[in-house]
Amino acid sequence: MHTCLQNKRNRNKIILTNNSQILSLRGCCFWRLKFLMLKISLTFILDILLTIFIDILMSTRKNIILTVQVTTLVSFRILKTKHRNILFPYGYI
């Protein structure tokens, strides 16, 4: 079985099968990357829904909602108001 270190030369060779499964000569590195991209896209979708929800709740023009994507795949919300910045993780809303 190929390992990640043995497949540095074949980094860009990807084979698509008819079952929409992606086979690659990169081995375990490629599957880790694919899982990471799936987690990032799910985080992004949740983040958009949360932004819409907070926008409905805070329906004033003075509040600016900024999204910060952290590299550890934990999204935080910075709600910038007149007086102070409040940091909301997902679990505390």
C-alpha atoms as a PDB file:
ATOM      1  CA  MET A   1       0.000   0.000   0.000  1.00  0.00           C
ATOM      2  CA  HIS A   2       1.242   3.446  -0.887  1.00  0.00           C
ATOM      3  CA  THR A   3       2.112   5.855   1.862  1.00  0.00           C
ATOM      4  CA  CYS A   4       2.040   9.635   1.853  1.00  0.00           C
ATOM      5  CA  LEU A   5       5.818   9.904   1.648  1.00  0.00           C
ATOM      6  CA  GLN A   6       6.103   7.591  -1.351  1.00  0.00           C
ATOM      7  CA  ASN A   7       3.582   9.519  -3.425  1.00  0.00           C
ATOM      8  CA  LYS A   8       5.098  12.986  -3.569  1.00  0.00           C
ATOM      9  CA  ARG A   9       5.796  12.591  -7.286  1.00  0.00           C
ATOM     10  CA  ASN A  10       2.209  11.651  -8.157  1.00  0.00           C
ATOM     11  CA  ARG A  11       0.577  14.483  -6.277  1.00  0.00           C
ATOM     12  CA  ASN A  12      -1.665  15.704  -9.097  1.00  0.00           C
ATOM     13  CA  LYS A  13      -2.802  12.376 -10.580  1.00  0.00           C
ATOM     14  CA  ILE A  14      -6.445  11.810  -9.666  1.00  0.00           C
ATOM     15  CA  ILE A  15      -8.656   9.111 -11.205  1.00  0.00           C
ATOM     16  CA  LEU A  16     -12.448   9.512 -11.235  1.00  0.00           C
ATOM     17  CA  THR A  17     -14.536   6.343 -11.276  1.00  0.00           C
ATOM     18  CA  ASN A  18     -18.179   5.976 -12.372  1.00  0.00           C
ATOM     19  CA  ASN A  19     -19.390   5.698  -8.773  1.00  0.00           C
ATOM     20  CA  SER A  20     -18.173   9.267  -8.140  1.00  0.00           C
ATOM     21  CA  GLN A  21     -15.498   7.864  -5.891  1.00  0.00           C
ATOM     22  CA  ILE A  22     -12.155   9.564  -6.188  1.00  0.00           C
ATOM     23  CA  LEU A  23      -9.114   7.353  -6.297  1.00  0.00           C
ATOM     24  CA  SER A  24      -5.731   8.943  -6.016  1.00  0.00           C
ATOM     25  CA  LEU A  25      -2.152   7.829  -5.910  1.00  0.00           C
ATOM     26  CA  ARG A  26      -1.671  10.165  -2.964  1.00  0.00           C
ATOM     27  CA  GLY A  27      -3.265   7.637  -0.632  1.00  0.00           C
ATOM     28  CA  CYS A  28      -4.060   8.690   2.912  1.00  0.00           C
ATOM     29  CA  CYS A  29      -3.039  12.325   2.389  1.00  0.00           C
ATOM     30  CA  PHE A  30      -5.728  12.828  -0.248  1.00  0.00           C
ATOM     31  CA  TRP A  31      -8.507  11.322   1.890  1.00  0.00           C
ATOM     32  CA  ARG A  32      -7.496  13.491   4.849  1.00  0.00           C
ATOM     33  CA  LEU A  33      -7.603  16.538   2.578  1.00  0.00           C
ATOM     34  CA  LYS A  34     -11.016  15.547   1.205  1.00  0.00           C
ATOM     35  CA  PHE A  35     -12.405  15.111   4.735  1.00  0.00           C
ATOM     36  CA  LEU A  36     -10.923  18.460   5.748  1.00  0.00           C
ATOM     37  CA  MET A  37     -12.571  20.171   2.751  1.00  0.00           C
ATOM     38  CA  LEU A  38     -15.924  18.573   3.691  1.00  0.00           C
ATOM     39  CA  LYS A  39     -15.587  19.907   7.243  1.00  0.00           C
ATOM     40  CA  ILE A  40     -14.703  23.366   5.925  1.00  0.00           C
ATOM     41  CA  SER A  41     -17.718  23.439   3.583  1.00  0.00           C
ATOM     42  CA  LEU A  42     -20.109  22.304   6.349  1.00  0.00           C
ATOM     43  CA  THR A  43     -18.657  24.950   8.658  1.00  0.00           C
ATOM     44  CA  PHE A  44     -19.130  27.566   5.938  1.00  0.00           C
ATOM     45  CA  ILE A  45     -22.807  26.600   5.400  1.00  0.00           C
ATOM     46  CA  LEU A  46     -23.483  26.726   9.150  1.00  0.00           C
ATOM     47  CA  ASP A  47     -21.741  30.061   9.297  1.00  0.00           C
ATOM     48  CA  ILE A  48     -23.947  31.576   6.571  1.00  0.00           C
ATOM     49  CA  LEU A  49     -27.115  30.331   8.303  1.00  0.00           C
ATOM     50  CA  LEU A  50     -25.911  31.724  11.619  1.00  0.00           C
ATOM     51  CA  THR A  51     -25.113  35.080  10.005  1.00  0.00           C
ATOM     52  CA  ILE A  52     -28.653  35.289   8.576  1.00  0.00           C
ATOM     53  CA  PHE A  53     -30.118  34.358  11.968  1.00  0.00           C
ATOM     54  CA  ILE A  54     -28.109  37.016  13.826  1.00  0.00           C
ATOM     55  CA  ASP A  55     -28.961  39.543  11.099  1.00  0.00           C
ATOM     56  CA  ILE A  56     -32.665  38.931  11.708  1.00  0.00           C
ATOM     57  CA  LEU A  57     -32.231  39.241  15.469  1.00  0.00           C
ATOM     58  CA  MET A  58     -30.047  42.327  15.349  1.00  0.00           C
ATOM     59  CA  SER A  59     -31.952  44.255  12.714  1.00  0.00           C
ATOM     60  CA  THR A  60     -30.278  47.603  13.256  1.00  0.00           C
ATOM     61  CA  ARG A  61     -27.988  49.280  10.772  1.00  0.00           C
ATOM     62  CA  LYS A  62     -25.251  50.055  13.308  1.00  0.00           C
ATOM     63  CA  ASN A  63     -24.298  46.435  13.957  1.00  0.00           C
ATOM     64  CA  ILE A  64     -21.674  45.038  11.606  1.00  0.00           C
ATOM     65  CA  ILE A  65     -21.357  41.266  11.573  1.00  0.00           C
ATOM     66  CA  LEU A  66     -17.950  39.918  10.635  1.00  0.00           C
ATOM     67  CA  THR A  67     -17.052  36.280  10.220  1.00  0.00           C
ATOM     68  CA  VAL A  68     -13.661  34.937  11.249  1.00  0.00           C
ATOM     69  CA  GLN A  69     -12.773  31.420  10.136  1.00  0.00           C
ATOM     70  CA  VAL A  70     -10.233  29.939  12.535  1.00  0.00           C
ATOM     71  CA  THR A  71      -7.767  27.365  11.229  1.00  0.00           C
ATOM     72  CA  THR A  72      -8.947  24.824  13.799  1.00  0.00           C
ATOM     73  CA  LEU A  73     -12.323  24.739  11.961  1.00  0.00           C
ATOM     74  CA  VAL A  74     -14.057  26.525  14.821  1.00  0.00           C
ATOM     75  CA  SER A  75     -16.021  29.531  13.635  1.00  0.00           C
ATOM     76  CA  PHE A  76     -16.467  32.519  15.857  1.00  0.00           C
ATOM     77  CA  ARG A  77     -18.674  35.498  15.392  1.00  0.00           C
ATOM     78  CA  ILE A  78     -17.498  39.016  16.059  1.00  0.00           C
ATOM     79  CA  LEU A  79     -20.434  41.354  16.582  1.00  0.00           C
ATOM     80  CA  LYS A  80     -19.190  44.891  16.418  1.00  0.00           C
ATOM     81  CA  THR A  81     -21.459  47.359  18.171  1.00  0.00           C
ATOM     82  CA  LYS A  82     -20.967  50.969  19.262  1.00  0.00           C
ATOM     83  CA  HIS A  83     -19.450  50.222  22.640  1.00  0.00           C
ATOM     84  CA  ARG A  84     -17.560  46.950  22.495  1.00  0.00           C
ATOM     85  CA  ASN A  85     -16.754  43.819  20.498  1.00  0.00           C
ATOM     86  CA  ILE A  86     -18.505  40.647  21.618  1.00  0.00           C
ATOM     87  CA  LEU A  87     -17.130  37.262  20.617  1.00  0.00           C
ATOM     88  CA  PHE A  88     -19.679  34.468  20.202  1.00  0.00           C
ATOM     89  CA  PRO A  89     -18.619  30.867  19.671  1.00  0.00           C
ATOM     90  CA  TYR A  90     -21.257  28.584  18.188  1.00  0.00           C
ATOM     91  CA  GLY A  91     -22.057  26.827  21.444  1.00  0.00           C
ATOM     92  CA  TYR A  92     -23.001  29.909  23.422  1.00  0.00           C
ATOM     93  CA  ILE A  93     -25.613  31.493  21.176  1.00  0.00           C
END
